[in-house]
Amino acid sequence: MNDQNRDRKMKNDTASDASVNISMMMQKFMQLEYNIEHPTYDTELSFYHLVSSGDVEAVKNQNYMDVDAVERGILSDNTLQNLKYHAVVTIAMVCRFCIEDGMEESMSYNLSDYYIKLLDRAADQKTVREIYYRACVDYARRMSKIQKYKLMSIHCVKAIDYVNNHLHENIKAADVAAYVGLERSYFSRLFHKEMGSTISQYICAKKIQTAKNMLVYSDYSCSEIGQYLAFSDGSHFALAFRKVVGETPGNFRKKNYRKHWVT
């Protein structure tokens, strides 16, 4: 770089720095004029830690859940875009704090990507607020389960992994007990003590939870979903589903099919 080009670059850098400084001074003036203060660093950290600790109720009641609070600052002159920026920043930070506290990287990043894509497609402020709230509470709920998971015995941890990996099979309590290496009756008592439900109830609940997601987000028929989850027949699936959810799979799908999708 010759001297002339170097001087030109230095002048441009100086002009750019001056422009940034003037903009920051104007923003500071507006904050003082209207008595606006950014949330402190400690406030932000406190919120991220609440989410990553799995304290769902505390997260719901946190002032930091107010994504459009004027104290957050202005990242865009466009109100909708400003909301989106704040929501994206917070979700990205929550994602990383949750990884630090035990959530699998792939799960946390995929969850972050999912909600940020929803935010990108959101067409109004109300939708942005709803997505932001859902994202923070979703992370907190998942972290609550992870924190509980850490306190379980290795036998129950292995049992849960086995159930999650074999939902498409007809899982028997004896199979799970054999997998974790315990006598069946002892394993059943241990699982009930730590999980608050029998192993059979847990298996059924996980299958129904999966069925609900498939009914809402897939095009598989009710009978195909029941067959995939290894229920003996359609009647057995419908009976088990109704016992847990309170209505038939067909009625549940009519009410909920893709209703949460943001277009």
C-alpha atoms as a PDB file:
ATOM      1  CA  MET A   1       0.000   0.000   0.000  1.00  0.00           C
ATOM      2  CA  ASN A   2       1.528   3.364  -1.020  1.00  0.00           C
ATOM      3  CA  ASP A   3       1.546   6.461   1.193  1.00  0.00           C
ATOM      4  CA  GLN A   4      -1.365   8.104  -0.633  1.00  0.00           C
ATOM      5  CA  ASN A   5      -3.629   5.067  -0.219  1.00  0.00           C
ATOM      6  CA  ARG A   6      -2.547   4.695   3.413  1.00  0.00           C
ATOM      7  CA  ASP A   7      -3.458   8.322   4.157  1.00  0.00           C
ATOM      8  CA  ARG A   8      -6.827   7.905   2.416  1.00  0.00           C
ATOM      9  CA  LYS A   9      -7.582   4.788   4.478  1.00  0.00           C
ATOM     10  CA  MET A  10      -6.632   6.555   7.721  1.00  0.00           C
ATOM     11  CA  LYS A  11      -8.944   9.469   6.871  1.00  0.00           C
ATOM     12  CA  ASN A  12     -11.801   7.084   6.082  1.00  0.00           C
ATOM     13  CA  ASP A  13     -11.246   5.172   9.332  1.00  0.00           C
ATOM     14  CA  THR A  14     -11.175   8.435  11.297  1.00  0.00           C
ATOM     15  CA  ALA A  15     -14.396   9.636   9.646  1.00  0.00           C
ATOM     16  CA  SER A  16     -16.039   6.277  10.365  1.00  0.00           C
ATOM     17  CA  ASP A  17     -14.965   6.396  14.027  1.00  0.00           C
ATOM     18  CA  ALA A  18     -16.303   9.936  14.341  1.00  0.00           C
ATOM     19  CA  SER A  19     -19.645   8.897  12.854  1.00  0.00           C
ATOM     20  CA  VAL A  20     -19.921   5.996  15.314  1.00  0.00           C
ATOM     21  CA  ASN A  21     -19.023   8.237  18.235  1.00  0.00           C
ATOM     22  CA  ILE A  22     -21.614  10.849  17.259  1.00  0.00           C
ATOM     23  CA  SER A  23     -24.276   8.167  16.937  1.00  0.00           C
ATOM     24  CA  MET A  24     -23.395   6.786  20.368  1.00  0.00           C
ATOM     25  CA  MET A  25     -23.489  10.290  21.899  1.00  0.00           C
ATOM     26  CA  MET A  26     -26.961  10.904  20.433  1.00  0.00           C
ATOM     27  CA  GLN A  27     -28.203   7.575  21.758  1.00  0.00           C
ATOM     28  CA  LYS A  28     -26.777   8.340  25.205  1.00  0.00           C
ATOM     29  CA  PHE A  29     -28.469  11.752  25.151  1.00  0.00           C
ATOM     30  CA  MET A  30     -31.842  10.170  24.342  1.00  0.00           C
ATOM     31  CA  GLN A  31     -31.404   7.657  27.174  1.00  0.00           C
ATOM     32  CA  LEU A  32     -30.681  10.447  29.646  1.00  0.00           C
ATOM     33  CA  GLU A  33     -33.488  12.609  28.298  1.00  0.00           C
ATOM     34  CA  TYR A  34     -36.100   9.892  28.763  1.00  0.00           C
ATOM     35  CA  ASN A  35     -34.500   8.275  31.819  1.00  0.00           C
ATOM     36  CA  ILE A  36     -33.870   4.996  29.994  1.00  0.00           C
ATOM     37  CA  GLU A  37     -31.309   2.565  31.352  1.00  0.00           C
ATOM     38  CA  HIS A  38     -30.102  -0.618  29.702  1.00  0.00           C
ATOM     39  CA  PRO A  39     -30.545  -3.801  31.743  1.00  0.00           C
ATOM     40  CA  THR A  40     -27.331  -4.401  33.644  1.00  0.00           C
ATOM     41  CA  TYR A  41     -24.939  -7.164  32.662  1.00  0.00           C
ATOM     42  CA  ASP A  42     -25.866  -8.953  35.896  1.00  0.00           C
ATOM     43  CA  THR A  43     -29.563  -8.743  34.990  1.00  0.00           C
ATOM     44  CA  GLU A  44     -28.928 -10.394  31.645  1.00  0.00           C
ATOM     45  CA  LEU A  45     -26.755 -13.112  33.178  1.00  0.00           C
ATOM     46  CA  SER A  46     -29.371 -13.738  35.853  1.00  0.00           C
ATOM     47  CA  PHE A  47     -32.030 -14.340  33.194  1.00  0.00           C
ATOM     48  CA  TYR A  48     -29.839 -16.682  31.159  1.00  0.00           C
ATOM     49  CA  HIS A  49     -28.985 -18.660  34.292  1.00  0.00           C
ATOM     50  CA  LEU A  50     -32.672 -18.905  35.271  1.00  0.00           C
ATOM     51  CA  VAL A  51     -33.437 -20.492  31.916  1.00  0.00           C
ATOM     52  CA  SER A  52     -30.445 -22.852  31.972  1.00  0.00           C
ATOM     53  CA  SER A  53     -31.227 -23.908  35.548  1.00  0.00           C
ATOM     54  CA  GLY A  54     -34.717 -25.002  34.452  1.00  0.00           C
ATOM     55  CA  ASP A  55     -36.645 -22.648  36.760  1.00  0.00           C
ATOM     56  CA  VAL A  56     -39.716 -22.416  34.520  1.00  0.00           C
ATOM     57  CA  GLU A  57     -41.977 -20.360  36.803  1.00  0.00           C
ATOM     58  CA  ALA A  58     -39.239 -17.823  37.560  1.00  0.00           C
ATOM     59  CA  VAL A  59     -38.554 -17.453  33.833  1.00  0.00           C
ATOM     60  CA  LYS A  60     -42.235 -16.807  33.118  1.00  0.00           C
ATOM     61  CA  ASN A  61     -42.337 -14.029  35.705  1.00  0.00           C
ATOM     62  CA  GLN A  62     -39.053 -12.350  34.768  1.00  0.00           C
ATOM     63  CA  ASN A  63     -39.188  -8.744  33.546  1.00  0.00           C
ATOM     64  CA  TYR A  64     -36.577  -9.738  30.969  1.00  0.00           C
ATOM     65  CA  MET A  65     -39.302 -11.728  29.223  1.00  0.00           C
ATOM     66  CA  ASP A  66     -40.626  -8.365  28.016  1.00  0.00           C
ATOM     67  CA  VAL A  67     -38.764  -8.444  24.720  1.00  0.00           C
ATOM     68  CA  ASP A  68     -39.966  -4.989  23.586  1.00  0.00           C
ATOM     69  CA  ALA A  69     -39.088  -3.136  26.796  1.00  0.00           C
ATOM     70  CA  VAL A  70     -37.659   0.247  25.855  1.00  0.00           C
ATOM     71  CA  GLU A  71     -34.722  -0.404  28.216  1.00  0.00           C
ATOM     72  CA  ARG A  72     -33.476  -3.038  25.820  1.00  0.00           C
ATOM     73  CA  GLY A  73     -32.296  -0.324  23.468  1.00  0.00           C
ATOM     74  CA  ILE A  74     -33.011   0.284  19.792  1.00  0.00           C
ATOM     75  CA  LEU A  75     -31.348  -2.034  17.296  1.00  0.00           C
ATOM     76  CA  SER A  76     -33.495  -0.953  14.350  1.00  0.00           C
ATOM     77  CA  ASP A  77     -35.735   2.010  13.518  1.00  0.00           C
ATOM     78  CA  ASN A  78     -38.255  -0.537  12.241  1.00  0.00           C
ATOM     79  CA  THR A  79     -40.257  -1.609  15.313  1.00  0.00           C
ATOM     80  CA  LEU A  80     -40.911  -5.155  14.081  1.00  0.00           C
ATOM     81  CA  GLN A  81     -37.286  -5.661  13.076  1.00  0.00           C
ATOM     82  CA  ASN A  82     -36.128  -4.254  16.410  1.00  0.00           C
ATOM     83  CA  LEU A  83     -38.226  -6.853  18.244  1.00  0.00           C
ATOM     84  CA  LYS A  84     -36.852  -9.638  16.079  1.00  0.00           C
ATOM     85  CA  TYR A  85     -33.247  -8.583  16.699  1.00  0.00           C
ATOM     86  CA  HIS A  86     -33.722  -8.552  20.476  1.00  0.00           C
ATOM     87  CA  ALA A  87     -35.463 -11.926  20.429  1.00  0.00           C
ATOM     88  CA  VAL A  88     -32.760 -13.493  18.254  1.00  0.00           C
ATOM     89  CA  VAL A  89     -29.946 -12.170  20.455  1.00  0.00           C
ATOM     90  CA  THR A  90     -31.566 -13.505  23.626  1.00  0.00           C
ATOM     91  CA  ILE A  91     -32.362 -16.927  22.135  1.00  0.00           C
ATOM     92  CA  ALA A  92     -28.794 -17.232  20.830  1.00  0.00           C
ATOM     93  CA  MET A  93     -27.427 -16.468  24.303  1.00  0.00           C
ATOM     94  CA  VAL A  94     -29.880 -18.832  26.031  1.00  0.00           C
ATOM     95  CA  CYS A  95     -28.842 -21.552  23.584  1.00  0.00           C
ATOM     96  CA  ARG A  96     -25.209 -21.270  24.671  1.00  0.00           C
ATOM     97  CA  PHE A  97     -25.920 -21.045  28.397  1.00  0.00           C
ATOM     98  CA  CYS A  98     -28.033 -24.213  28.165  1.00  0.00           C
ATOM     99  CA  ILE A  99     -25.176 -26.035  26.442  1.00  0.00           C
ATOM    100  CA  GLU A 100     -22.877 -24.989  29.281  1.00  0.00           C
ATOM    101  CA  ASP A 101     -25.335 -26.434  31.805  1.00  0.00           C
ATOM    102  CA  GLY A 102     -25.784 -29.813  30.157  1.00  0.00           C
ATOM    103  CA  MET A 103     -27.990 -29.640  27.053  1.00  0.00           C
ATOM    104  CA  GLU A 104     -26.568 -31.481  24.066  1.00  0.00           C
ATOM    105  CA  GLU A 105     -25.054 -29.069  21.547  1.00  0.00           C
ATOM    106  CA  SER A 106     -27.030 -30.433  18.606  1.00  0.00           C
ATOM    107  CA  MET A 107     -30.321 -30.186  20.505  1.00  0.00           C
ATOM    108  CA  SER A 108     -29.666 -26.639  21.714  1.00  0.00           C
ATOM    109  CA  TYR A 109     -28.513 -25.353  18.328  1.00  0.00           C
ATOM    110  CA  ASN A 110     -31.395 -27.052  16.499  1.00  0.00           C
ATOM    111  CA  LEU A 111     -33.870 -25.565  18.977  1.00  0.00           C
ATOM    112  CA  SER A 112     -32.326 -22.122  18.496  1.00  0.00           C
ATOM    113  CA  ASP A 113     -32.438 -22.477  14.699  1.00  0.00           C
ATOM    114  CA  TYR A 114     -36.080 -23.572  14.850  1.00  0.00           C
ATOM    115  CA  TYR A 115     -37.253 -20.546  16.825  1.00  0.00           C
ATOM    116  CA  ILE A 116     -35.094 -18.065  14.924  1.00  0.00           C
ATOM    117  CA  LYS A 117     -36.592 -19.312  11.643  1.00  0.00           C
ATOM    118  CA  LEU A 118     -40.065 -18.789  13.118  1.00  0.00           C
ATOM    119  CA  LEU A 119     -39.053 -15.256  14.110  1.00  0.00           C
ATOM    120  CA  ASP A 120     -37.756 -14.589  10.605  1.00  0.00           C
ATOM    121  CA  ARG A 121     -41.157 -15.495   9.147  1.00  0.00           C
ATOM    122  CA  ALA A 122     -43.190 -13.613  11.769  1.00  0.00           C
ATOM    123  CA  ALA A 123     -45.248 -10.827  10.202  1.00  0.00           C
ATOM    124  CA  ASP A 124     -46.315  -8.871  13.284  1.00  0.00           C
ATOM    125  CA  GLN A 125     -45.157  -7.895  16.761  1.00  0.00           C
ATOM    126  CA  LYS A 126     -47.669 -10.104  18.578  1.00  0.00           C
ATOM    127  CA  THR A 127     -46.309 -13.195  16.835  1.00  0.00           C
ATOM    128  CA  VAL A 128     -42.719 -12.227  17.659  1.00  0.00           C
ATOM    129  CA  ARG A 129     -43.589 -11.872  21.363  1.00  0.00           C
ATOM    130  CA  GLU A 130     -45.373 -15.241  21.370  1.00  0.00           C
ATOM    131  CA  ILE A 131     -42.451 -17.020  19.685  1.00  0.00           C
ATOM    132  CA  TYR A 132     -39.944 -15.389  22.053  1.00  0.00           C
ATOM    133  CA  TYR A 133     -41.980 -16.443  25.090  1.00  0.00           C
ATOM    134  CA  ARG A 134     -42.381 -19.996  23.795  1.00  0.00           C
ATOM    135  CA  ALA A 135     -38.657 -20.281  23.070  1.00  0.00           C
ATOM    136  CA  CYS A 136     -37.531 -19.165  26.538  1.00  0.00           C
ATOM    137  CA  VAL A 137     -40.074 -21.354  28.335  1.00  0.00           C
ATOM    138  CA  ASP A 138     -39.293 -24.310  26.071  1.00  0.00           C
ATOM    139  CA  TYR A 139     -35.583 -24.056  26.861  1.00  0.00           C
ATOM    140  CA  ALA A 140     -36.360 -23.751  30.596  1.00  0.00           C
ATOM    141  CA  ARG A 141     -38.647 -26.810  30.566  1.00  0.00           C
ATOM    142  CA  ARG A 142     -36.099 -28.897  28.707  1.00  0.00           C
ATOM    143  CA  MET A 143     -33.374 -27.813  31.124  1.00  0.00           C
ATOM    144  CA  SER A 144     -35.627 -28.689  34.075  1.00  0.00           C
ATOM    145  CA  LYS A 145     -35.843 -32.240  32.748  1.00  0.00           C
ATOM    146  CA  ILE A 146     -32.085 -32.342  32.181  1.00  0.00           C
ATOM    147  CA  GLN A 147     -31.392 -31.189  35.748  1.00  0.00           C
ATOM    148  CA  LYS A 148     -33.680 -33.927  37.087  1.00  0.00           C
ATOM    149  CA  TYR A 149     -32.020 -36.394  34.742  1.00  0.00           C
ATOM    150  CA  LYS A 150     -28.663 -35.646  36.370  1.00  0.00           C
ATOM    151  CA  LEU A 151     -30.026 -36.756  39.753  1.00  0.00           C
ATOM    152  CA  MET A 152     -31.218 -40.164  38.569  1.00  0.00           C
ATOM    153  CA  SER A 153     -29.462 -43.446  39.118  1.00  0.00           C
ATOM    154  CA  ILE A 154     -27.562 -44.827  36.150  1.00  0.00           C
ATOM    155  CA  HIS A 155     -30.151 -47.616  35.903  1.00  0.00           C
ATOM    156  CA  CYS A 156     -33.048 -45.187  35.382  1.00  0.00           C
ATOM    157  CA  VAL A 157     -31.001 -43.114  32.941  1.00  0.00           C
ATOM    158  CA  LYS A 158     -30.320 -46.243  30.883  1.00  0.00           C
ATOM    159  CA  ALA A 159     -33.986 -47.259  31.127  1.00  0.00           C
ATOM    160  CA  ILE A 160     -35.158 -43.905  29.761  1.00  0.00           C
ATOM    161  CA  ASP A 161     -32.644 -44.100  26.928  1.00  0.00           C
ATOM    162  CA  TYR A 162     -33.850 -47.607  26.095  1.00  0.00           C
ATOM    163  CA  VAL A 163     -37.507 -46.533  26.022  1.00  0.00           C
ATOM    164  CA  ASN A 164     -36.780 -43.484  23.841  1.00  0.00           C
ATOM    165  CA  ASN A 165     -34.842 -45.623  21.364  1.00  0.00           C
ATOM    166  CA  HIS A 166     -37.485 -48.379  21.131  1.00  0.00           C
ATOM    167  CA  LEU A 167     -40.793 -46.484  21.027  1.00  0.00           C
ATOM    168  CA  HIS A 168     -41.625 -48.195  17.736  1.00  0.00           C
ATOM    169  CA  GLU A 169     -41.467 -51.590  19.470  1.00  0.00           C
ATOM    170  CA  ASN A 170     -43.703 -53.413  21.947  1.00  0.00           C
ATOM    171  CA  ILE A 171     -41.628 -52.608  25.046  1.00  0.00           C
ATOM    172  CA  LYS A 172     -42.045 -54.851  28.073  1.00  0.00           C
ATOM    173  CA  ALA A 173     -40.973 -53.943  31.603  1.00  0.00           C
ATOM    174  CA  ALA A 174     -38.981 -57.180  31.728  1.00  0.00           C
ATOM    175  CA  ASP A 175     -37.043 -56.133  28.610  1.00  0.00           C
ATOM    176  CA  VAL A 176     -36.070 -52.811  30.181  1.00  0.00           C
ATOM    177  CA  ALA A 177     -35.074 -54.459  33.464  1.00  0.00           C
ATOM    178  CA  ALA A 178     -32.911 -56.962  31.599  1.00  0.00           C
ATOM    179  CA  TYR A 179     -31.287 -54.160  29.604  1.00  0.00           C
ATOM    180  CA  VAL A 180     -30.285 -52.205  32.728  1.00  0.00           C
ATOM    181  CA  GLY A 181     -29.137 -55.376  34.480  1.00  0.00           C
ATOM    182  CA  LEU A 182     -31.574 -55.484  37.414  1.00  0.00           C
ATOM    183  CA  GLU A 183     -34.129 -57.973  38.683  1.00  0.00           C
ATOM    184  CA  ARG A 184     -37.552 -56.904  37.433  1.00  0.00           C
ATOM    185  CA  SER A 185     -39.332 -56.224  40.749  1.00  0.00           C
ATOM    186  CA  TYR A 186     -36.361 -54.299  42.167  1.00  0.00           C
ATOM    187  CA  PHE A 187     -36.059 -52.251  38.974  1.00  0.00           C
ATOM    188  CA  SER A 188     -39.803 -51.489  39.026  1.00  0.00           C
ATOM    189  CA  ARG A 189     -39.605 -50.179  42.601  1.00  0.00           C
ATOM    190  CA  LEU A 190     -36.492 -48.115  41.809  1.00  0.00           C
ATOM    191  CA  PHE A 191     -38.027 -46.587  38.679  1.00  0.00           C
ATOM    192  CA  HIS A 192     -41.274 -45.699  40.462  1.00  0.00           C
ATOM    193  CA  LYS A 193     -39.352 -44.101  43.327  1.00  0.00           C
ATOM    194  CA  GLU A 194     -37.225 -41.915  41.053  1.00  0.00           C
ATOM    195  CA  MET A 195     -39.730 -41.149  38.292  1.00  0.00           C
ATOM    196  CA  GLY A 196     -43.025 -41.083  40.185  1.00  0.00           C
ATOM    197  CA  SER A 197     -44.677 -43.509  37.763  1.00  0.00           C
ATOM    198  CA  THR A 198     -44.413 -47.160  36.837  1.00  0.00           C
ATOM    199  CA  ILE A 199     -42.260 -48.160  33.893  1.00  0.00           C
ATOM    200  CA  SER A 200     -45.393 -49.208  31.987  1.00  0.00           C
ATOM    201  CA  GLN A 201     -47.017 -45.813  32.588  1.00  0.00           C
ATOM    202  CA  TYR A 202     -43.843 -44.074  31.455  1.00  0.00           C
ATOM    203  CA  ILE A 203     -43.647 -46.133  28.253  1.00  0.00           C
ATOM    204  CA  CYS A 204     -47.281 -45.379  27.447  1.00  0.00           C
ATOM    205  CA  ALA A 205     -46.848 -41.651  28.191  1.00  0.00           C
ATOM    206  CA  LYS A 206     -43.818 -41.410  25.884  1.00  0.00           C
ATOM    207  CA  LYS A 207     -45.643 -43.217  23.088  1.00  0.00           C
ATOM    208  CA  ILE A 208     -48.658 -40.914  23.436  1.00  0.00           C
ATOM    209  CA  GLN A 209     -46.404 -37.860  23.505  1.00  0.00           C
ATOM    210  CA  THR A 210     -44.820 -39.016  20.250  1.00  0.00           C
ATOM    211  CA  ALA A 211     -48.246 -39.753  18.796  1.00  0.00           C
ATOM    212  CA  LYS A 212     -49.419 -36.209  19.605  1.00  0.00           C
ATOM    213  CA  ASN A 213     -46.458 -34.709  17.748  1.00  0.00           C
ATOM    214  CA  MET A 214     -47.061 -36.967  14.750  1.00  0.00           C
ATOM    215  CA  LEU A 215     -50.766 -36.090  14.699  1.00  0.00           C
ATOM    216  CA  VAL A 216     -49.960 -32.374  14.672  1.00  0.00           C
ATOM    217  CA  TYR A 217     -46.931 -32.258  12.383  1.00  0.00           C
ATOM    218  CA  SER A 218     -47.150 -35.289  10.061  1.00  0.00           C
ATOM    219  CA  ASP A 219     -49.567 -36.578   7.447  1.00  0.00           C
ATOM    220  CA  TYR A 220     -49.612 -40.175   8.715  1.00  0.00           C
ATOM    221  CA  SER A 221     -53.080 -41.525   9.450  1.00  0.00           C
ATOM    222  CA  CYS A 222     -54.143 -42.357  12.992  1.00  0.00           C
ATOM    223  CA  SER A 223     -53.918 -46.071  12.260  1.00  0.00           C
ATOM    224  CA  GLU A 224     -50.424 -45.698  10.756  1.00  0.00           C
ATOM    225  CA  ILE A 225     -49.240 -43.791  13.831  1.00  0.00           C
ATOM    226  CA  GLY A 226     -50.675 -46.436  16.153  1.00  0.00           C
ATOM    227  CA  GLN A 227     -49.016 -49.155  14.103  1.00  0.00           C
ATOM    228  CA  TYR A 228     -45.667 -47.316  14.073  1.00  0.00           C
ATOM    229  CA  LEU A 229     -45.749 -47.038  17.878  1.00  0.00           C
ATOM    230  CA  ALA A 230     -46.453 -50.784  18.194  1.00  0.00           C
ATOM    231  CA  PHE A 231     -49.986 -50.628  19.583  1.00  0.00           C
ATOM    232  CA  SER A 232     -51.739 -53.946  18.963  1.00  0.00           C
ATOM    233  CA  ASP A 233     -54.458 -52.355  16.816  1.00  0.00           C
ATOM    234  CA  GLY A 234     -56.295 -49.089  16.155  1.00  0.00           C
ATOM    235  CA  SER A 235     -58.721 -49.613  19.026  1.00  0.00           C
ATOM    236  CA  HIS A 236     -55.898 -50.157  21.509  1.00  0.00           C
ATOM    237  CA  PHE A 237     -54.172 -46.978  20.302  1.00  0.00           C
ATOM    238  CA  ALA A 238     -57.379 -44.932  20.487  1.00  0.00           C
ATOM    239  CA  LEU A 239     -58.177 -46.230  23.979  1.00  0.00           C
ATOM    240  CA  ALA A 240     -54.678 -45.506  25.324  1.00  0.00           C
ATOM    241  CA  PHE A 241     -54.617 -42.083  23.669  1.00  0.00           C
ATOM    242  CA  ARG A 242     -58.018 -41.120  25.061  1.00  0.00           C
ATOM    243  CA  LYS A 243     -57.057 -42.275  28.550  1.00  0.00           C
ATOM    244  CA  VAL A 244     -54.049 -39.930  28.579  1.00  0.00           C
ATOM    245  CA  VAL A 245     -55.247 -36.986  26.480  1.00  0.00           C
ATOM    246  CA  GLY A 246     -58.985 -37.079  27.125  1.00  0.00           C
ATOM    247  CA  GLU A 247     -60.086 -37.344  23.486  1.00  0.00           C
ATOM    248  CA  THR A 248     -59.605 -39.560  20.461  1.00  0.00           C
ATOM    249  CA  PRO A 249     -56.587 -39.193  18.158  1.00  0.00           C
ATOM    250  CA  GLY A 250     -58.890 -38.036  15.356  1.00  0.00           C
ATOM    251  CA  ASN A 251     -60.456 -35.245  17.406  1.00  0.00           C
ATOM    252  CA  PHE A 252     -57.057 -34.156  18.686  1.00  0.00           C
ATOM    253  CA  ARG A 253     -55.745 -33.871  15.115  1.00  0.00           C
ATOM    254  CA  LYS A 254     -58.776 -31.843  13.960  1.00  0.00           C
ATOM    255  CA  LYS A 255     -58.153 -29.277  16.707  1.00  0.00           C
ATOM    256  CA  ASN A 256     -54.363 -29.088  16.514  1.00  0.00           C
ATOM    257  CA  TYR A 257     -53.119 -30.046  13.049  1.00  0.00           C
ATOM    258  CA  ARG A 258     -50.279 -27.615  12.271  1.00  0.00           C
ATOM    259  CA  LYS A 259     -52.081 -24.772  14.057  1.00  0.00           C
ATOM    260  CA  HIS A 260     -48.799 -23.540  15.585  1.00  0.00           C
ATOM    261  CA  TRP A 261     -47.051 -23.166  12.248  1.00  0.00           C
ATOM    262  CA  VAL A 262     -46.195 -19.553  11.480  1.00  0.00           C
ATOM    263  CA  THR A 263     -46.662 -18.577   7.839  1.00  0.00           C
END
